[in-house]
Amino acid sequence: MRYSHSREYLEMVCRDAGFSVLASSDVILRKNAGMPVPGFVFVTEAAIASPAPTS
């Protein structure tokens, strides 16, 4: 079984996991029975936590 997710869902999952989406592109991931299978490539960056205050 193959899964398919929307761009909006993937962006939400990235945000919820603490990542910023820097770029995304539509790509052909592979071919299945000679037919192109579309997908996405995302470039993400992990959020940097603020340093703890010093006393």
N, C-alpha and C. Protein backbone atom coordinates (compact mmCIF):
# COMPACT_ATOMS: atom_id res chain seq x y z
N MET A 1 0.84 -1.17 0.00
CA MET A 1 0.00 0.00 0.00
C MET A 1 0.90 1.24 0.00
N ARG A 2 0.53 2.22 -0.77
CA ARG A 2 1.25 3.50 -0.83
C ARG A 2 0.40 4.57 -0.15
N TYR A 3 1.08 5.54 0.41
CA TYR A 3 0.39 6.65 1.07
C TYR A 3 0.61 7.93 0.28
N SER A 4 -0.36 8.80 0.32
CA SER A 4 -0.27 10.09 -0.35
C SER A 4 -0.75 11.17 0.61
N HIS A 5 0.06 12.21 0.76
CA HIS A 5 -0.29 13.32 1.64
C HIS A 5 -0.23 14.62 0.86
N SER A 6 -1.06 15.57 1.24
CA SER A 6 -1.07 16.87 0.57
C SER A 6 0.11 17.72 1.05
N ARG A 7 0.47 18.70 0.24
CA ARG A 7 1.53 19.64 0.61
C ARG A 7 1.17 20.34 1.93
N GLU A 8 -0.09 20.74 2.07
CA GLU A 8 -0.52 21.44 3.28
C GLU A 8 -0.35 20.57 4.53
N TYR A 9 -0.69 19.29 4.41
CA TYR A 9 -0.53 18.37 5.53
C TYR A 9 0.94 18.24 5.91
N LEU A 10 1.81 18.07 4.92
CA LEU A 10 3.24 17.92 5.20
C LEU A 10 3.82 19.18 5.84
N GLU A 11 3.38 20.36 5.37
CA GLU A 11 3.84 21.61 5.98
C GLU A 11 3.39 21.70 7.44
N MET A 12 2.16 21.28 7.73
CA MET A 12 1.64 21.29 9.10
C MET A 12 2.44 20.33 9.99
N VAL A 13 2.73 19.14 9.49
CA VAL A 13 3.50 18.16 10.26
C VAL A 13 4.90 18.71 10.56
N CYS A 14 5.51 19.34 9.58
CA CYS A 14 6.83 19.95 9.80
C CYS A 14 6.77 21.00 10.90
N ARG A 15 5.80 21.91 10.80
CA ARG A 15 5.65 22.97 11.81
C ARG A 15 5.42 22.37 13.20
N ASP A 16 4.52 21.38 13.27
CA ASP A 16 4.19 20.77 14.56
C ASP A 16 5.39 20.05 15.17
N ALA A 17 6.32 19.60 14.33
CA ALA A 17 7.53 18.92 14.81
C ALA A 17 8.66 19.90 15.09
N GLY A 18 8.41 21.21 14.90
CA GLY A 18 9.42 22.21 15.22
C GLY A 18 10.35 22.55 14.07
N PHE A 19 9.92 22.29 12.84
CA PHE A 19 10.73 22.61 11.67
C PHE A 19 10.11 23.76 10.88
N SER A 20 10.96 24.56 10.26
CA SER A 20 10.52 25.58 9.31
C SER A 20 10.75 25.03 7.91
N VAL A 21 9.80 25.24 7.02
CA VAL A 21 9.96 24.82 5.63
C VAL A 21 10.65 25.97 4.89
N LEU A 22 11.87 25.73 4.43
CA LEU A 22 12.64 26.75 3.72
C LEU A 22 12.30 26.76 2.24
N ALA A 23 12.01 25.58 1.69
CA ALA A 23 11.67 25.46 0.27
C ALA A 23 10.97 24.14 0.04
N SER A 24 10.18 24.08 -1.02
CA SER A 24 9.56 22.82 -1.42
C SER A 24 9.37 22.85 -2.93
N SER A 25 9.41 21.66 -3.52
CA SER A 25 9.26 21.55 -4.98
C SER A 25 8.44 20.32 -5.32
N ASP A 26 7.68 20.44 -6.40
CA ASP A 26 7.01 19.28 -6.98
C ASP A 26 8.04 18.52 -7.80
N VAL A 27 8.10 17.20 -7.63
CA VAL A 27 9.06 16.38 -8.36
C VAL A 27 8.40 15.08 -8.80
N ILE A 28 9.04 14.39 -9.71
CA ILE A 28 8.65 13.03 -10.06
C ILE A 28 9.55 12.12 -9.21
N LEU A 29 8.94 11.37 -8.31
CA LEU A 29 9.69 10.54 -7.37
C LEU A 29 10.23 9.27 -8.01
N ARG A 30 9.43 8.70 -8.88
CA ARG A 30 9.79 7.43 -9.51
C ARG A 30 8.80 7.17 -10.63
N LYS A 31 8.93 6.04 -11.28
CA LYS A 31 7.94 5.62 -12.27
C LYS A 31 7.34 4.30 -11.80
N ASN A 32 6.05 4.15 -12.01
CA ASN A 32 5.33 2.93 -11.67
C ASN A 32 4.64 2.46 -12.93
N ALA A 33 5.03 1.30 -13.42
CA ALA A 33 4.50 0.77 -14.68
C ALA A 33 4.69 1.79 -15.81
N GLY A 34 5.84 2.47 -15.78
CA GLY A 34 6.15 3.44 -16.82
C GLY A 34 5.50 4.81 -16.65
N MET A 35 4.67 4.96 -15.63
CA MET A 35 3.98 6.24 -15.41
C MET A 35 4.66 7.01 -14.28
N PRO A 36 4.84 8.32 -14.45
CA PRO A 36 5.48 9.11 -13.40
C PRO A 36 4.62 9.19 -12.14
N VAL A 37 5.29 9.11 -11.00
CA VAL A 37 4.62 9.23 -9.71
C VAL A 37 5.05 10.57 -9.10
N PRO A 38 4.12 11.53 -9.01
CA PRO A 38 4.49 12.85 -8.49
C PRO A 38 4.63 12.84 -6.97
N GLY A 39 5.42 13.78 -6.49
CA GLY A 39 5.61 13.93 -5.05
C GLY A 39 6.22 15.28 -4.75
N PHE A 40 6.75 15.40 -3.54
CA PHE A 40 7.33 16.66 -3.08
C PHE A 40 8.71 16.41 -2.49
N VAL A 41 9.55 17.42 -2.56
CA VAL A 41 10.81 17.46 -1.81
C VAL A 41 10.76 18.73 -0.97
N PHE A 42 11.04 18.57 0.31
CA PHE A 42 11.04 19.71 1.23
C PHE A 42 12.45 19.92 1.78
N VAL A 43 12.84 21.17 1.90
CA VAL A 43 14.05 21.55 2.62
C VAL A 43 13.56 22.21 3.91
N THR A 44 13.97 21.64 5.03
CA THR A 44 13.49 22.14 6.32
C THR A 44 14.67 22.50 7.22
N GLU A 45 14.35 23.25 8.25
CA GLU A 45 15.36 23.64 9.23
C GLU A 45 14.74 23.50 10.61
N ALA A 46 15.49 22.86 11.50
CA ALA A 46 15.00 22.70 12.87
C ALA A 46 15.02 24.05 13.58
N ALA A 47 13.98 24.29 14.34
CA ALA A 47 13.92 25.53 15.13
C ALA A 47 15.01 25.49 16.19
N ILE A 48 15.62 26.62 16.41
CA ILE A 48 16.67 26.70 17.43
C ILE A 48 16.02 27.15 18.73
N ALA A 49 16.21 26.36 19.76
CA ALA A 49 15.63 26.69 21.06
C ALA A 49 16.36 27.89 21.65
N SER A 50 15.61 28.72 22.32
CA SER A 50 16.22 29.87 23.00
C SER A 50 17.06 29.37 24.16
N PRO A 51 18.22 29.96 24.37
CA PRO A 51 19.04 29.54 25.51
C PRO A 51 18.33 29.85 26.82
N ALA A 52 18.56 29.02 27.80
CA ALA A 52 17.96 29.23 29.12
C ALA A 52 18.57 30.49 29.74
N PRO A 53 17.74 31.27 30.43
CA PRO A 53 18.28 32.48 31.07
C PRO A 53 19.33 32.11 32.12
N THR A 54 20.35 32.92 32.21
CA THR A 54 21.38 32.69 33.23
C THR A 54 21.11 33.58 34.43
N SER A 55 21.53 33.11 35.59
CA SER A 55 21.29 33.93 36.79
C SER A 55 22.55 34.61 37.25
